[in-house]
Amino acid sequence: MTAAPGPEVFGIPNGQFAQNSWLVVDPASRDTVVVDPGEEAERILAEIRRRDLVVRAIWLTHAHLDHIWGVDTVRVATGAPVHLHPDDRRWYDILPEQGAMFGLRDLPRLAPPDHELAHGDSVSVGRFPFVVRHVPGHSPGHVAFIGHGLAIAGDVLFAGSIGRTDLAGGSTEALLESIRRELLTLPDETRVLPGHGPETTVGAERRSNPFLR
């Protein structure tokens, strides 16, 4: 028996931090989740319009500025609620101050998120549920969304690398433990959709990532 097709995913690298925003789509209904709307929110919205998608939610892996810069623009344009783990609310609430750390002025102060994420939650796009996994280390409230052969991993695991841990609330020990517990336990063929750079697989990182040896 042929397995039913899973959700479609479209990556949108954008902004000066070359951050990956992701569109996760149920192809039957066109229901869509925007993951981590970054700096170029209008580019993300243009892709949504081009594909005739219906945005039902905004999921945030974490709240560093390059992953939340476009939140309010996408929320206002689509009416979609924002989902965030409460342990990253501190970062979310200080987007202008985060920008100032990088010499960026006039970043918006965001309206509060609509829903809190917790480890083990189930969140869905159309017919497709994903499990929320708390993966702290890069930031205290970082989460990954796992399901249907996908790990939407934010800044936890990259092709050949791992997330930085030198920002406030970061911990190399916690990050490595998160990766081992929540990502390396997934099947080798699981696609890892990172917050920066090309996608990879769990198996490729298990075999060759120098930070995981």
N, C-alpha and C. Protein backbone atom coordinates (compact mmCIF):
# COMPACT_ATOMS: atom_id res chain seq x y z
N MET A 1 0.85 -1.20 0.00
CA MET A 1 0.00 0.00 0.00
C MET A 1 0.89 1.25 0.00
N THR A 2 0.58 2.19 -0.86
CA THR A 2 1.36 3.43 -0.93
C THR A 2 0.96 4.36 0.20
N ALA A 3 1.98 4.91 0.88
CA ALA A 3 1.71 5.84 1.98
C ALA A 3 1.06 7.11 1.44
N ALA A 4 0.14 7.64 2.22
CA ALA A 4 -0.50 8.89 1.83
C ALA A 4 0.53 10.02 1.81
N PRO A 5 0.44 10.93 0.84
CA PRO A 5 1.40 12.03 0.79
C PRO A 5 1.29 12.92 2.02
N GLY A 6 2.40 13.45 2.43
CA GLY A 6 2.42 14.32 3.58
C GLY A 6 2.27 15.78 3.18
N PRO A 7 2.51 16.68 4.11
CA PRO A 7 2.43 18.10 3.79
C PRO A 7 3.54 18.53 2.84
N GLU A 8 3.26 19.58 2.10
CA GLU A 8 4.29 20.22 1.29
C GLU A 8 5.01 21.25 2.14
N VAL A 9 6.29 21.44 1.87
CA VAL A 9 7.05 22.47 2.58
C VAL A 9 7.81 23.31 1.57
N PHE A 10 7.81 24.61 1.81
CA PHE A 10 8.51 25.55 0.94
C PHE A 10 9.37 26.45 1.82
N GLY A 11 10.67 26.45 1.55
CA GLY A 11 11.58 27.31 2.29
C GLY A 11 11.74 28.66 1.62
N ILE A 12 11.82 29.70 2.43
CA ILE A 12 12.01 31.06 1.91
C ILE A 12 13.19 31.69 2.65
N PRO A 13 14.42 31.51 2.13
CA PRO A 13 15.56 32.21 2.74
C PRO A 13 15.38 33.71 2.58
N ASN A 14 15.60 34.47 3.65
CA ASN A 14 15.30 35.89 3.54
C ASN A 14 16.10 36.70 4.54
N GLY A 15 16.27 37.96 4.20
CA GLY A 15 16.85 38.94 5.12
C GLY A 15 18.36 38.88 5.23
N GLN A 16 18.88 39.85 5.95
CA GLN A 16 20.33 39.98 6.08
C GLN A 16 20.97 38.87 6.90
N PHE A 17 20.15 38.12 7.66
CA PHE A 17 20.67 36.99 8.42
C PHE A 17 20.51 35.68 7.65
N ALA A 18 20.04 35.74 6.42
CA ALA A 18 19.82 34.55 5.58
C ALA A 18 19.05 33.49 6.35
N GLN A 19 17.95 33.92 6.95
CA GLN A 19 17.12 33.05 7.78
C GLN A 19 16.09 32.34 6.92
N ASN A 20 15.83 31.08 7.27
CA ASN A 20 14.82 30.31 6.54
C ASN A 20 13.46 30.43 7.22
N SER A 21 12.51 31.02 6.52
CA SER A 21 11.11 30.89 6.90
C SER A 21 10.54 29.71 6.12
N TRP A 22 9.57 29.02 6.73
CA TRP A 22 9.01 27.83 6.09
C TRP A 22 7.50 27.96 5.98
N LEU A 23 6.97 27.55 4.84
CA LEU A 23 5.53 27.38 4.66
C LEU A 23 5.25 25.88 4.68
N VAL A 24 4.37 25.45 5.57
CA VAL A 24 3.97 24.05 5.66
C VAL A 24 2.51 23.99 5.23
N VAL A 25 2.23 23.18 4.20
CA VAL A 25 0.96 23.27 3.49
C VAL A 25 0.28 21.91 3.40
N ASP A 26 -1.01 21.88 3.71
CA ASP A 26 -1.84 20.73 3.37
C ASP A 26 -2.28 20.93 1.92
N PRO A 27 -1.78 20.12 0.99
CA PRO A 27 -2.08 20.39 -0.43
C PRO A 27 -3.55 20.22 -0.79
N ALA A 28 -4.30 19.47 0.00
CA ALA A 28 -5.72 19.27 -0.32
C ALA A 28 -6.55 20.51 -0.03
N SER A 29 -6.30 21.13 1.12
CA SER A 29 -7.11 22.28 1.53
C SER A 29 -6.42 23.62 1.29
N ARG A 30 -5.10 23.60 1.06
CA ARG A 30 -4.24 24.79 0.97
C ARG A 30 -4.05 25.46 2.33
N ASP A 31 -4.57 24.84 3.39
CA ASP A 31 -4.29 25.35 4.74
C ASP A 31 -2.78 25.34 4.97
N THR A 32 -2.29 26.41 5.60
CA THR A 32 -0.85 26.65 5.68
C THR A 32 -0.47 27.19 7.05
N VAL A 33 0.72 26.80 7.49
CA VAL A 33 1.35 27.40 8.66
C VAL A 33 2.62 28.10 8.20
N VAL A 34 2.84 29.29 8.70
CA VAL A 34 4.10 30.01 8.48
C VAL A 34 4.98 29.78 9.71
N VAL A 35 6.15 29.21 9.49
CA VAL A 35 7.09 28.99 10.59
C VAL A 35 8.18 30.06 10.52
N ASP A 36 8.31 30.82 11.59
CA ASP A 36 9.38 31.81 11.76
C ASP A 36 9.41 32.87 10.65
N PRO A 37 8.38 33.71 10.58
CA PRO A 37 8.40 34.78 9.58
C PRO A 37 9.48 35.81 9.88
N GLY A 38 10.48 35.88 9.02
CA GLY A 38 11.65 36.70 9.27
C GLY A 38 11.54 38.10 8.70
N GLU A 39 12.69 38.66 8.36
CA GLU A 39 12.79 40.07 8.01
C GLU A 39 11.95 40.44 6.79
N GLU A 40 11.97 39.61 5.76
CA GLU A 40 11.30 39.98 4.51
C GLU A 40 9.86 39.45 4.50
N ALA A 41 9.05 40.01 5.38
CA ALA A 41 7.67 39.53 5.51
C ALA A 41 6.88 39.71 4.22
N GLU A 42 7.11 40.78 3.50
CA GLU A 42 6.36 41.01 2.26
C GLU A 42 6.71 39.95 1.22
N ARG A 43 7.94 39.48 1.23
CA ARG A 43 8.31 38.40 0.31
C ARG A 43 7.57 37.12 0.68
N ILE A 44 7.45 36.85 1.97
CA ILE A 44 6.71 35.68 2.43
C ILE A 44 5.25 35.78 2.02
N LEU A 45 4.66 36.95 2.22
CA LEU A 45 3.25 37.14 1.85
C LEU A 45 3.05 37.03 0.34
N ALA A 46 4.01 37.49 -0.43
CA ALA A 46 3.90 37.37 -1.89
C ALA A 46 3.89 35.90 -2.30
N GLU A 47 4.69 35.09 -1.64
CA GLU A 47 4.70 33.66 -1.96
C GLU A 47 3.38 33.00 -1.56
N ILE A 48 2.83 33.43 -0.44
CA ILE A 48 1.53 32.92 -0.01
C ILE A 48 0.45 33.26 -1.04
N ARG A 49 0.46 34.49 -1.52
CA ARG A 49 -0.52 34.88 -2.53
C ARG A 49 -0.30 34.14 -3.85
N ARG A 50 0.95 33.99 -4.23
CA ARG A 50 1.27 33.32 -5.50
C ARG A 50 0.77 31.89 -5.51
N ARG A 51 0.86 31.23 -4.38
CA ARG A 51 0.45 29.82 -4.28
C ARG A 51 -1.01 29.67 -3.85
N ASP A 52 -1.68 30.80 -3.62
CA ASP A 52 -3.09 30.79 -3.23
C ASP A 52 -3.29 29.96 -1.96
N LEU A 53 -2.53 30.29 -0.93
CA LEU A 53 -2.56 29.55 0.33
C LEU A 53 -3.42 30.27 1.36
N VAL A 54 -3.89 29.51 2.34
CA VAL A 54 -4.72 30.05 3.42
C VAL A 54 -3.95 29.84 4.73
N VAL A 55 -3.46 30.92 5.30
CA VAL A 55 -2.62 30.81 6.50
C VAL A 55 -3.50 30.68 7.73
N ARG A 56 -3.30 29.59 8.47
CA ARG A 56 -4.09 29.30 9.66
C ARG A 56 -3.35 29.58 10.95
N ALA A 57 -2.01 29.62 10.91
CA ALA A 57 -1.25 29.82 12.15
C ALA A 57 0.17 30.25 11.82
N ILE A 58 0.80 30.86 12.79
CA ILE A 58 2.22 31.21 12.76
C ILE A 58 2.88 30.46 13.91
N TRP A 59 3.79 29.56 13.60
CA TRP A 59 4.53 28.80 14.61
C TRP A 59 5.93 29.37 14.72
N LEU A 60 6.38 29.61 15.93
CA LEU A 60 7.72 30.13 16.17
C LEU A 60 8.56 29.06 16.84
N THR A 61 9.72 28.74 16.22
CA THR A 61 10.65 27.83 16.89
C THR A 61 11.30 28.50 18.09
N HIS A 62 11.55 29.80 17.97
CA HIS A 62 12.13 30.58 19.07
C HIS A 62 11.98 32.05 18.72
N ALA A 63 12.46 32.92 19.58
CA ALA A 63 12.13 34.34 19.43
C ALA A 63 13.35 35.24 19.24
N HIS A 64 14.43 34.73 18.65
CA HIS A 64 15.50 35.63 18.25
C HIS A 64 15.03 36.47 17.07
N LEU A 65 15.59 37.67 16.94
CA LEU A 65 15.01 38.68 16.06
C LEU A 65 14.86 38.22 14.62
N ASP A 66 15.80 37.44 14.09
CA ASP A 66 15.72 37.06 12.68
C ASP A 66 14.58 36.09 12.41
N HIS A 67 14.02 35.49 13.46
CA HIS A 67 12.92 34.54 13.29
C HIS A 67 11.55 35.14 13.60
N ILE A 68 11.52 36.35 14.15
CA ILE A 68 10.23 36.96 14.52
C ILE A 68 10.02 38.34 13.92
N TRP A 69 10.98 38.85 13.18
CA TRP A 69 10.94 40.21 12.66
C TRP A 69 9.63 40.48 11.92
N GLY A 70 9.16 39.52 11.14
CA GLY A 70 7.98 39.73 10.32
C GLY A 70 6.68 39.25 10.93
N VAL A 71 6.69 38.90 12.21
CA VAL A 71 5.49 38.31 12.83
C VAL A 71 4.26 39.18 12.66
N ASP A 72 4.34 40.44 13.07
CA ASP A 72 3.13 41.26 13.06
C ASP A 72 2.66 41.57 11.64
N THR A 73 3.59 41.72 10.70
CA THR A 73 3.19 41.96 9.32
C THR A 73 2.39 40.78 8.78
N VAL A 74 2.89 39.56 9.04
CA VAL A 74 2.17 38.37 8.57
C VAL A 74 0.88 38.19 9.34
N ARG A 75 0.90 38.46 10.64
CA ARG A 75 -0.32 38.29 11.44
C ARG A 75 -1.41 39.26 10.97
N VAL A 76 -1.07 40.50 10.76
CA VAL A 76 -2.07 41.48 10.33
C VAL A 76 -2.63 41.11 8.95
N ALA A 77 -1.75 40.66 8.06
CA ALA A 77 -2.19 40.36 6.70
C ALA A 77 -3.06 39.11 6.62
N THR A 78 -2.85 38.16 7.54
CA THR A 78 -3.53 36.87 7.43
C THR A 78 -4.54 36.60 8.54
N GLY A 79 -4.43 37.32 9.65
CA GLY A 79 -5.27 37.05 10.80
C GLY A 79 -4.87 35.81 11.57
N ALA A 80 -3.70 35.24 11.27
CA ALA A 80 -3.29 33.97 11.87
C ALA A 80 -2.75 34.18 13.29
N PRO A 81 -3.10 33.30 14.23
CA PRO A 81 -2.58 33.40 15.59
C PRO A 81 -1.13 32.94 15.67
N VAL A 82 -0.44 33.49 16.67
CA VAL A 82 0.99 33.23 16.87
C VAL A 82 1.17 32.26 18.02
N HIS A 83 2.02 31.24 17.81
CA HIS A 83 2.30 30.21 18.81
C HIS A 83 3.77 30.30 19.22
N LEU A 84 4.04 30.36 20.52
CA LEU A 84 5.40 30.52 21.05
C LEU A 84 5.51 29.81 22.39
N HIS A 85 6.67 29.20 22.64
CA HIS A 85 6.93 28.64 23.97
C HIS A 85 7.16 29.78 24.97
N PRO A 86 6.57 29.71 26.16
CA PRO A 86 6.67 30.84 27.10
C PRO A 86 8.08 31.14 27.56
N ASP A 87 8.99 30.16 27.52
CA ASP A 87 10.36 30.43 27.97
C ASP A 87 11.12 31.33 27.02
N ASP A 88 10.57 31.59 25.83
CA ASP A 88 11.19 32.56 24.92
C ASP A 88 10.42 33.88 24.86
N ARG A 89 9.44 34.03 25.73
CA ARG A 89 8.66 35.27 25.72
C ARG A 89 9.54 36.49 26.03
N ARG A 90 10.56 36.29 26.85
CA ARG A 90 11.46 37.41 27.16
C ARG A 90 12.08 37.98 25.89
N TRP A 91 12.56 37.11 25.00
CA TRP A 91 13.15 37.57 23.75
C TRP A 91 12.09 38.21 22.85
N TYR A 92 10.94 37.61 22.80
CA TYR A 92 9.86 38.09 21.94
C TYR A 92 9.48 39.53 22.30
N ASP A 93 9.44 39.80 23.60
CA ASP A 93 8.98 41.12 24.06
C ASP A 93 10.01 42.22 23.88
N ILE A 94 11.24 41.88 23.54
CA ILE A 94 12.28 42.91 23.41
C ILE A 94 12.86 42.93 22.00
N LEU A 95 12.01 42.73 21.00
CA LEU A 95 12.51 42.77 19.62
C LEU A 95 13.24 44.07 19.31
N PRO A 96 12.75 45.26 19.70
CA PRO A 96 13.52 46.47 19.40
C PRO A 96 14.90 46.46 20.05
N GLU A 97 14.99 45.96 21.27
CA GLU A 97 16.28 45.91 21.96
C GLU A 97 17.21 44.87 21.30
N GLN A 98 16.63 43.77 20.85
CA GLN A 98 17.45 42.81 20.10
C GLN A 98 18.04 43.47 18.85
N GLY A 99 17.22 44.23 18.15
CA GLY A 99 17.72 44.91 16.97
C GLY A 99 18.86 45.86 17.29
N ALA A 100 18.71 46.60 18.39
CA ALA A 100 19.75 47.56 18.77
C ALA A 100 21.08 46.88 19.03
N MET A 101 21.06 45.63 19.51
CA MET A 101 22.29 44.88 19.74
C MET A 101 23.08 44.69 18.44
N PHE A 102 22.37 44.68 17.31
CA PHE A 102 23.01 44.49 16.01
C PHE A 102 23.05 45.78 15.20
N GLY A 103 22.81 46.91 15.86
CA GLY A 103 22.83 48.19 15.17
C GLY A 103 21.62 48.45 14.31
N LEU A 104 20.54 47.74 14.57
CA LEU A 104 19.32 47.90 13.79
C LEU A 104 18.31 48.72 14.57
N ARG A 105 17.78 49.75 13.97
CA ARG A 105 16.87 50.66 14.65
C ARG A 105 15.44 50.49 14.14
N ASP A 106 14.49 50.88 14.99
CA ASP A 106 13.08 50.97 14.61
C ASP A 106 12.44 49.62 14.32
N LEU A 107 12.94 48.54 14.94
CA LEU A 107 12.20 47.29 14.85
C LEU A 107 10.95 47.40 15.71
N PRO A 108 9.86 46.76 15.28
CA PRO A 108 8.58 46.95 15.98
C PRO A 108 8.54 46.21 17.31
N ARG A 109 7.75 46.72 18.25
CA ARG A 109 7.41 45.95 19.44
C ARG A 109 6.18 45.13 19.11
N LEU A 110 6.26 43.84 19.28
CA LEU A 110 5.23 42.94 18.77
C LEU A 110 4.05 42.83 19.71
N ALA A 111 2.86 42.65 19.13
CA ALA A 111 1.70 42.29 19.93
C ALA A 111 1.94 40.93 20.58
N PRO A 112 1.34 40.66 21.72
CA PRO A 112 1.60 39.39 22.43
C PRO A 112 1.24 38.18 21.57
N PRO A 113 1.95 37.06 21.78
CA PRO A 113 1.54 35.83 21.10
C PRO A 113 0.17 35.37 21.57
N ASP A 114 -0.47 34.55 20.76
CA ASP A 114 -1.84 34.12 21.06
C ASP A 114 -1.90 32.80 21.81
N HIS A 115 -0.92 31.93 21.61
CA HIS A 115 -0.96 30.60 22.21
C HIS A 115 0.42 30.21 22.71
N GLU A 116 0.45 29.53 23.86
CA GLU A 116 1.70 29.02 24.41
C GLU A 116 1.90 27.58 23.96
N LEU A 117 3.13 27.28 23.53
CA LEU A 117 3.50 25.92 23.17
C LEU A 117 4.12 25.22 24.36
N ALA A 118 3.91 23.92 24.47
CA ALA A 118 4.52 23.11 25.52
C ALA A 118 4.99 21.80 24.92
N HIS A 119 6.02 21.22 25.53
CA HIS A 119 6.57 19.95 25.08
C HIS A 119 5.46 18.90 25.06
N GLY A 120 5.35 18.21 23.93
CA GLY A 120 4.34 17.17 23.80
C GLY A 120 3.03 17.63 23.19
N ASP A 121 2.84 18.94 23.03
CA ASP A 121 1.63 19.44 22.38
C ASP A 121 1.52 18.89 20.95
N SER A 122 0.30 18.79 20.48
CA SER A 122 0.04 18.49 19.08
C SER A 122 -0.54 19.74 18.42
N VAL A 123 0.09 20.16 17.34
CA VAL A 123 -0.39 21.28 16.55
C VAL A 123 -0.54 20.79 15.12
N SER A 124 -1.47 21.36 14.39
CA SER A 124 -1.80 20.79 13.08
C SER A 124 -1.84 21.85 12.00
N VAL A 125 -1.53 21.41 10.80
CA VAL A 125 -1.80 22.18 9.60
C VAL A 125 -2.69 21.30 8.72
N GLY A 126 -3.93 21.71 8.55
CA GLY A 126 -4.88 20.89 7.82
C GLY A 126 -5.01 19.52 8.46
N ARG A 127 -4.79 18.48 7.66
CA ARG A 127 -4.93 17.09 8.13
C ARG A 127 -3.71 16.59 8.90
N PHE A 128 -2.67 17.39 9.01
CA PHE A 128 -1.37 16.87 9.43
C PHE A 128 -0.96 17.39 10.81
N PRO A 129 -0.97 16.52 11.82
CA PRO A 129 -0.51 16.93 13.14
C PRO A 129 1.02 16.88 13.25
N PHE A 130 1.55 17.78 14.04
CA PHE A 130 2.96 17.78 14.39
C PHE A 130 3.07 17.79 15.91
N VAL A 131 4.12 17.16 16.42
CA VAL A 131 4.38 17.15 17.86
C VAL A 131 5.39 18.24 18.18
N VAL A 132 5.12 18.99 19.23
CA VAL A 132 6.04 20.02 19.70
C VAL A 132 7.07 19.38 20.63
N ARG A 133 8.34 19.61 20.36
CA ARG A 133 9.42 19.13 21.23
C ARG A 133 10.22 20.32 21.74
N HIS A 134 10.34 20.41 23.05
CA HIS A 134 11.14 21.47 23.66
C HIS A 134 12.61 21.09 23.52
N VAL A 135 13.37 21.95 22.86
CA VAL A 135 14.78 21.67 22.58
C VAL A 135 15.64 22.88 22.98
N PRO A 136 15.74 23.16 24.29
CA PRO A 136 16.50 24.33 24.73
C PRO A 136 17.99 24.16 24.49
N GLY A 137 18.68 25.28 24.56
CA GLY A 137 20.13 25.30 24.40
C GLY A 137 20.57 26.48 23.57
N HIS A 138 19.95 26.65 22.39
CA HIS A 138 20.18 27.87 21.61
C HIS A 138 19.44 29.03 22.25
N SER A 139 18.24 28.76 22.72
CA SER A 139 17.47 29.70 23.53
C SER A 139 16.62 28.88 24.50
N PRO A 140 16.17 29.49 25.59
CA PRO A 140 15.49 28.70 26.63
C PRO A 140 14.19 28.06 26.17
N GLY A 141 13.44 28.74 25.29
CA GLY A 141 12.14 28.23 24.88
C GLY A 141 12.10 27.70 23.47
N HIS A 142 13.25 27.29 22.96
CA HIS A 142 13.29 26.79 21.59
C HIS A 142 12.50 25.49 21.48
N VAL A 143 11.73 25.36 20.41
CA VAL A 143 11.02 24.11 20.12
C VAL A 143 11.31 23.67 18.70
N ALA A 144 11.07 22.38 18.45
CA ALA A 144 11.06 21.83 17.11
C ALA A 144 9.68 21.23 16.87
N PHE A 145 9.27 21.18 15.61
CA PHE A 145 7.99 20.61 15.22
C PHE A 145 8.27 19.34 14.43
N ILE A 146 7.78 18.21 14.92
CA ILE A 146 8.16 16.90 14.39
C ILE A 146 6.92 16.19 13.84
N GLY A 147 7.03 15.70 12.61
CA GLY A 147 5.93 14.90 12.06
C GLY A 147 6.08 14.67 10.58
N HIS A 148 5.58 13.55 10.10
CA HIS A 148 5.47 13.26 8.67
C HIS A 148 6.83 13.29 7.98
N GLY A 149 7.83 12.75 8.69
CA GLY A 149 9.17 12.68 8.12
C GLY A 149 9.92 13.99 8.14
N LEU A 150 9.41 14.97 8.89
CA LEU A 150 10.02 16.30 8.96
C LEU A 150 10.39 16.65 10.39
N ALA A 151 11.49 17.35 10.54
CA ALA A 151 11.85 17.99 11.80
C ALA A 151 12.15 19.45 11.50
N ILE A 152 11.19 20.31 11.84
CA ILE A 152 11.37 21.75 11.63
C ILE A 152 12.14 22.24 12.85
N ALA A 153 13.45 22.43 12.66
CA ALA A 153 14.39 22.45 13.79
C ALA A 153 14.90 23.83 14.17
N GLY A 154 14.51 24.89 13.46
CA GLY A 154 14.99 26.21 13.84
C GLY A 154 16.51 26.25 13.89
N ASP A 155 17.03 26.82 14.97
CA ASP A 155 18.48 27.01 15.09
C ASP A 155 19.11 26.01 16.05
N VAL A 156 18.55 24.81 16.11
CA VAL A 156 19.12 23.75 16.95
C VAL A 156 20.18 22.97 16.19
N LEU A 157 19.81 22.49 15.01
CA LEU A 157 20.69 21.61 14.23
C LEU A 157 20.74 22.09 12.79
N PHE A 158 21.98 22.21 12.27
CA PHE A 158 22.20 22.62 10.89
C PHE A 158 22.96 21.53 10.15
N ALA A 159 23.06 21.69 8.85
CA ALA A 159 23.90 20.78 8.06
C ALA A 159 25.35 21.00 8.47
N GLY A 160 25.92 20.05 9.20
CA GLY A 160 27.31 20.13 9.61
C GLY A 160 27.59 21.01 10.80
N SER A 161 26.57 21.49 11.48
CA SER A 161 26.81 22.39 12.60
C SER A 161 25.63 22.33 13.57
N ILE A 162 25.73 23.14 14.62
CA ILE A 162 24.67 23.27 15.61
C ILE A 162 24.47 24.75 15.90
N GLY A 163 23.42 25.07 16.64
CA GLY A 163 23.12 26.46 16.96
C GLY A 163 24.15 27.07 17.90
N ARG A 164 24.27 28.37 17.83
CA ARG A 164 25.17 29.08 18.73
C ARG A 164 24.58 29.08 20.13
N THR A 165 25.46 29.17 21.12
CA THR A 165 25.01 29.12 22.52
C THR A 165 25.57 30.27 23.34
N ASP A 166 26.06 31.30 22.66
CA ASP A 166 26.71 32.39 23.38
C ASP A 166 25.78 33.56 23.66
N LEU A 167 24.52 33.45 23.30
CA LEU A 167 23.56 34.49 23.65
C LEU A 167 22.94 34.18 25.01
N ALA A 168 22.32 35.19 25.61
CA ALA A 168 21.74 35.01 26.95
C ALA A 168 20.76 33.84 26.94
N GLY A 169 20.89 32.98 27.94
CA GLY A 169 20.02 31.82 28.04
C GLY A 169 20.49 30.62 27.25
N GLY A 170 21.63 30.73 26.55
CA GLY A 170 22.16 29.63 25.78
C GLY A 170 22.98 28.68 26.63
N SER A 171 23.07 27.44 26.21
CA SER A 171 23.84 26.42 26.93
C SER A 171 24.25 25.34 25.94
N THR A 172 25.55 25.16 25.74
CA THR A 172 26.03 24.11 24.85
C THR A 172 25.62 22.73 25.37
N GLU A 173 25.76 22.52 26.66
CA GLU A 173 25.40 21.23 27.24
C GLU A 173 23.92 20.92 27.00
N ALA A 174 23.05 21.92 27.24
CA ALA A 174 21.62 21.71 27.04
C ALA A 174 21.30 21.49 25.57
N LEU A 175 21.97 22.21 24.68
CA LEU A 175 21.71 22.06 23.26
C LEU A 175 22.06 20.66 22.78
N LEU A 176 23.23 20.17 23.14
CA LEU A 176 23.64 18.83 22.72
C LEU A 176 22.70 17.77 23.28
N GLU A 177 22.26 17.95 24.51
CA GLU A 177 21.33 17.00 25.10
C GLU A 177 19.98 17.05 24.36
N SER A 178 19.52 18.24 23.99
CA SER A 178 18.28 18.37 23.23
C SER A 178 18.38 17.64 21.90
N ILE A 179 19.50 17.82 21.21
CA ILE A 179 19.68 17.18 19.91
C ILE A 179 19.68 15.66 20.06
N ARG A 180 20.42 15.17 21.03
CA ARG A 180 20.51 13.71 21.23
C ARG A 180 19.15 13.13 21.61
N ARG A 181 18.43 13.82 22.48
CA ARG A 181 17.17 13.28 23.01
C ARG A 181 16.02 13.39 22.01
N GLU A 182 15.92 14.51 21.30
CA GLU A 182 14.72 14.77 20.51
C GLU A 182 14.91 14.63 19.00
N LEU A 183 16.14 14.76 18.51
CA LEU A 183 16.36 14.70 17.06
C LEU A 183 17.09 13.43 16.62
N LEU A 184 18.15 13.07 17.32
CA LEU A 184 18.91 11.88 16.89
C LEU A 184 18.15 10.59 17.16
N THR A 185 17.07 10.65 17.88
CA THR A 185 16.22 9.47 18.08
C THR A 185 15.23 9.28 16.94
N LEU A 186 15.19 10.21 16.00
CA LEU A 186 14.29 10.11 14.84
C LEU A 186 14.92 9.23 13.76
N PRO A 187 14.12 8.69 12.86
CA PRO A 187 14.67 7.86 11.77
C PRO A 187 15.69 8.63 10.93
N ASP A 188 16.67 7.91 10.41
CA ASP A 188 17.73 8.53 9.63
C ASP A 188 17.21 9.36 8.46
N GLU A 189 16.10 8.93 7.86
CA GLU A 189 15.60 9.62 6.66
C GLU A 189 14.82 10.89 6.98
N THR A 190 14.63 11.19 8.26
CA THR A 190 13.89 12.40 8.63
C THR A 190 14.58 13.64 8.07
N ARG A 191 13.81 14.44 7.36
CA ARG A 191 14.34 15.70 6.80
C ARG A 191 14.42 16.75 7.90
N VAL A 192 15.57 17.35 8.06
CA VAL A 192 15.76 18.43 9.02
C VAL A 192 15.68 19.75 8.27
N LEU A 193 14.70 20.57 8.64
CA LEU A 193 14.51 21.88 8.02
C LEU A 193 15.03 22.93 8.99
N PRO A 194 16.23 23.45 8.75
CA PRO A 194 16.87 24.34 9.72
C PRO A 194 16.49 25.80 9.53
N GLY A 195 16.88 26.60 10.51
CA GLY A 195 16.60 28.03 10.46
C GLY A 195 17.55 28.81 9.58
N HIS A 196 18.64 28.17 9.16
CA HIS A 196 19.61 28.79 8.26
C HIS A 196 20.26 27.68 7.44
N GLY A 197 20.58 27.97 6.20
CA GLY A 197 21.32 27.02 5.39
C GLY A 197 20.46 25.92 4.81
N PRO A 198 21.10 24.96 4.13
CA PRO A 198 20.36 23.93 3.42
C PRO A 198 19.75 22.91 4.36
N GLU A 199 18.70 22.25 3.88
CA GLU A 199 18.13 21.16 4.68
C GLU A 199 19.09 19.98 4.69
N THR A 200 18.90 19.10 5.65
CA THR A 200 19.73 17.92 5.80
C THR A 200 18.85 16.79 6.28
N THR A 201 19.46 15.71 6.74
CA THR A 201 18.69 14.60 7.32
C THR A 201 19.30 14.23 8.66
N VAL A 202 18.50 13.57 9.48
CA VAL A 202 19.01 13.10 10.76
C VAL A 202 20.18 12.14 10.55
N GLY A 203 20.06 11.24 9.58
CA GLY A 203 21.14 10.29 9.34
C GLY A 203 22.44 10.95 8.93
N ALA A 204 22.36 11.95 8.05
CA ALA A 204 23.56 12.64 7.61
C ALA A 204 24.26 13.31 8.78
N GLU A 205 23.49 13.93 9.67
CA GLU A 205 24.10 14.62 10.82
C GLU A 205 24.62 13.61 11.84
N ARG A 206 23.93 12.50 12.00
CA ARG A 206 24.40 11.48 12.92
C ARG A 206 25.77 10.94 12.48
N ARG A 207 25.94 10.80 11.16
CA ARG A 207 27.18 10.22 10.63
C ARG A 207 28.33 11.20 10.57
N SER A 208 28.05 12.47 10.26
CA SER A 208 29.16 13.34 9.86
C SER A 208 29.24 14.68 10.57
N ASN A 209 28.25 15.03 11.40
CA ASN A 209 28.31 16.34 12.06
C ASN A 209 29.40 16.33 13.11
N PRO A 210 30.43 17.18 12.97
CA PRO A 210 31.57 17.10 13.91
C PRO A 210 31.20 17.47 15.33
N PHE A 211 30.12 18.21 15.53
CA PHE A 211 29.72 18.62 16.87
C PHE A 211 29.00 17.50 17.64
N LEU A 212 28.62 16.44 16.92
CA LEU A 212 27.83 15.39 17.54
C LEU A 212 28.64 14.12 17.78
N ARG A 213 29.93 14.16 17.52
CA ARG A 213 30.75 12.96 17.71
C ARG A 213 31.16 12.82 19.17
